[in-house]
Protein backbone atom coordinates (compact mmCIF):
# COMPACT_ATOMS: atom_id res chain seq x y z
CA UNK A 1 101.39 1.88 -53.62
CA UNK A 2 101.83 -0.51 -56.46
CA UNK A 3 98.42 -1.79 -56.23
CA UNK A 4 96.61 1.25 -56.77
CA UNK A 5 99.20 1.59 -59.60
CA UNK A 6 97.84 -1.45 -60.77
CA UNK A 7 93.96 -0.68 -60.09
CA UNK A 8 94.23 3.06 -61.95
CA UNK A 9 96.03 1.05 -64.87
CA UNK A 10 93.07 -1.30 -65.12
CA UNK A 11 90.05 -0.12 -68.10
CA UNK A 12 87.28 1.77 -66.87
CA UNK A 13 84.75 -0.93 -67.53
CA UNK A 14 86.99 -3.40 -65.57
CA UNK A 15 87.07 -0.55 -62.23
CA UNK A 16 83.38 -0.54 -62.26
CA UNK A 17 83.09 -4.40 -62.77
CA UNK A 18 85.69 -4.64 -58.79
CA UNK A 19 83.49 -2.22 -57.44
CA UNK A 20 80.14 -3.78 -58.40
CA UNK A 21 81.67 -6.99 -57.43
CA UNK A 22 83.13 -5.68 -54.24
CA UNK A 23 79.64 -4.62 -53.38
CA UNK A 24 77.70 -7.50 -54.24
CA UNK A 25 80.23 -9.19 -51.84
CA UNK A 26 79.56 -6.97 -48.93
CA UNK A 27 75.94 -7.17 -49.51
CA UNK A 28 76.46 -10.92 -49.72
CA UNK A 29 78.67 -11.49 -46.75
CA UNK A 30 75.77 -8.91 -44.45
CA UNK A 31 72.76 -11.23 -45.73
CA UNK A 32 74.89 -14.65 -44.34
CA UNK A 33 75.85 -12.85 -41.30
CA UNK A 34 72.43 -11.29 -40.27
CA UNK A 35 69.64 -12.74 -41.93
CA UNK A 36 68.30 -16.48 -41.83
CA UNK A 37 68.73 -18.85 -44.57
CA UNK A 38 64.60 -19.88 -44.79
CA UNK A 39 64.50 -15.88 -45.23
CA UNK A 40 66.46 -14.94 -48.26
CA UNK A 41 66.47 -18.10 -49.85
CA UNK A 42 63.47 -17.48 -52.69
CA UNK A 43 65.32 -14.37 -53.93
CA UNK A 44 68.21 -16.66 -55.34
CA UNK A 45 66.22 -17.82 -58.80
CA UNK A 46 67.79 -16.14 -61.03
CA UNK A 47 66.50 -14.63 -64.17
CA UNK A 48 68.06 -15.53 -67.38
CA UNK A 49 68.81 -13.26 -70.28
CA UNK A 50 67.32 -13.74 -73.16
CA UNK A 51 70.35 -14.64 -75.74
CA UNK A 52 72.86 -16.25 -73.16
CA UNK A 53 75.14 -17.65 -75.87
CA UNK A 54 75.77 -13.49 -76.33
CA UNK A 55 76.38 -12.63 -73.10
CA UNK A 56 78.84 -16.20 -72.55
CA UNK A 57 80.55 -15.49 -76.02
CA UNK A 58 81.39 -11.59 -75.19
CA UNK A 59 83.68 -12.37 -71.86
CA UNK A 60 81.52 -11.61 -69.26
CA UNK A 61 81.95 -15.01 -67.15
CA UNK A 62 85.58 -14.24 -67.63
CA UNK A 63 85.82 -11.22 -66.13
CA UNK A 64 82.94 -11.41 -63.36
CA UNK A 65 84.85 -14.34 -62.15
CA UNK A 66 87.96 -12.25 -62.43
CA UNK A 67 86.60 -9.06 -60.56
CA UNK A 68 85.07 -11.73 -58.15
CA UNK A 69 87.99 -13.11 -56.54
CA UNK A 70 89.62 -10.08 -57.35
CA UNK A 71 87.76 -8.06 -54.63
CA UNK A 72 86.80 -10.68 -52.27
CA UNK A 73 90.59 -10.11 -51.17
CA UNK A 74 89.86 -6.61 -49.97
CA UNK A 75 86.80 -8.40 -47.70
CA UNK A 76 87.15 -9.65 -44.62
CA UNK A 77 84.95 -13.15 -44.37
CA UNK A 78 84.21 -13.53 -48.09
CA UNK A 79 84.45 -17.61 -48.15
CA UNK A 80 83.48 -19.25 -50.86
CA UNK A 81 79.96 -18.81 -50.29
CA UNK A 82 79.96 -15.81 -50.39
CA UNK A 83 81.85 -15.01 -53.45
CA UNK A 84 79.76 -17.83 -55.37
CA UNK A 85 75.97 -15.86 -54.40
CA UNK A 86 77.98 -13.14 -55.51
CA UNK A 87 79.48 -14.23 -58.81
CA UNK A 88 76.47 -15.93 -59.22
CA UNK A 89 74.18 -12.45 -59.09
CA UNK A 90 76.23 -10.41 -61.41
CA UNK A 91 76.55 -13.32 -63.50
CA UNK A 92 72.42 -13.27 -63.49
CA UNK A 93 72.41 -9.69 -64.13
CA UNK A 94 74.71 -10.14 -67.43
CA UNK A 95 71.58 -12.84 -68.87
CA UNK A 96 74.15 -16.15 -67.72
CA UNK A 97 72.92 -18.57 -65.59
CA UNK A 98 75.44 -20.52 -63.14
CA UNK A 99 74.62 -23.09 -60.36
CA UNK A 100 75.33 -22.83 -57.49
CA UNK A 101 77.09 -25.89 -55.79
CA UNK A 102 77.30 -26.59 -52.16
CA UNK A 103 79.16 -29.45 -51.35
CA UNK A 104 79.95 -31.93 -48.25
CA UNK A 105 82.79 -33.59 -47.22
CA UNK A 106 85.15 -35.34 -44.08
CA UNK A 107 88.94 -34.07 -43.98
CA UNK A 108 91.84 -36.47 -43.41
CA UNK A 109 90.95 -36.39 -39.62
CA UNK A 110 87.50 -36.96 -39.85
CA UNK A 111 85.81 -33.72 -39.42
CA UNK A 112 82.89 -32.73 -41.38
CA UNK A 113 83.33 -29.91 -44.48
CA UNK A 114 81.77 -28.06 -46.97
CA UNK A 115 82.51 -25.97 -50.03
CA UNK A 116 80.77 -23.63 -52.46
CA UNK A 117 80.98 -23.21 -56.03
CA UNK A 118 79.82 -22.14 -59.21
CA UNK A 119 79.37 -24.49 -62.22
CA UNK A 120 78.15 -23.08 -65.85
CA UNK A 121 76.82 -25.82 -68.78
CA UNK A 122 78.45 -28.33 -66.52
CA UNK A 123 82.25 -26.94 -65.52
CA UNK A 124 82.97 -25.31 -62.82
CA UNK A 125 83.77 -21.51 -63.31
CA UNK A 126 84.45 -20.37 -59.67
CA UNK A 127 86.62 -22.65 -57.22
CA UNK A 128 88.64 -25.28 -58.16
CA UNK A 129 87.20 -28.09 -60.54
CA UNK A 130 89.14 -30.54 -58.49
CA UNK A 131 86.47 -29.15 -55.06
CA UNK A 132 83.97 -30.46 -57.20
CA UNK A 133 85.06 -33.81 -57.17
CA UNK A 134 86.42 -34.20 -53.53
CA UNK A 135 82.74 -32.64 -51.91
CA UNK A 136 79.67 -34.82 -52.32
CA UNK A 137 77.55 -31.61 -53.38
CA UNK A 138 73.91 -31.62 -52.25
CA UNK A 139 70.90 -31.13 -54.41
CA UNK A 140 70.53 -28.27 -56.11
CA UNK A 141 69.17 -25.50 -54.34
CA UNK A 142 68.77 -22.76 -56.89
CA UNK A 143 67.57 -24.75 -60.24
CA UNK A 144 67.40 -22.69 -63.24
CA UNK A 145 64.13 -21.80 -64.60
CA UNK A 146 63.29 -23.64 -68.10
């Protein structure tokens, strides 16, 4: 009950962003589950906005990351890759071009691990900055078009 009161205490724009984030997360969760990577990877090239600086200064980045992190708690299977893909898509719709990074590492027992995070202007915006140093990043899958 407290969650519901807290949700309706949000500004209408934030509630709408939450639902957009949840829908985008769900879309990526189903896509990753049902569609082979080679069939959807070419659709990942972002269309960047004309005035990226204005979008960045308006709080879009912070609000989008907030919405994706909150909404992911209400979607089973919202892995780091699902969250990064969803946030990247929502940011691209707002005119910001973030880079999806995927890294690999071995844990303490020598087992293979992989992790995804999102970077904007060289800094980690979704995921932990520690993850970017712990995991060896793979080459960029989707690079920003100049």
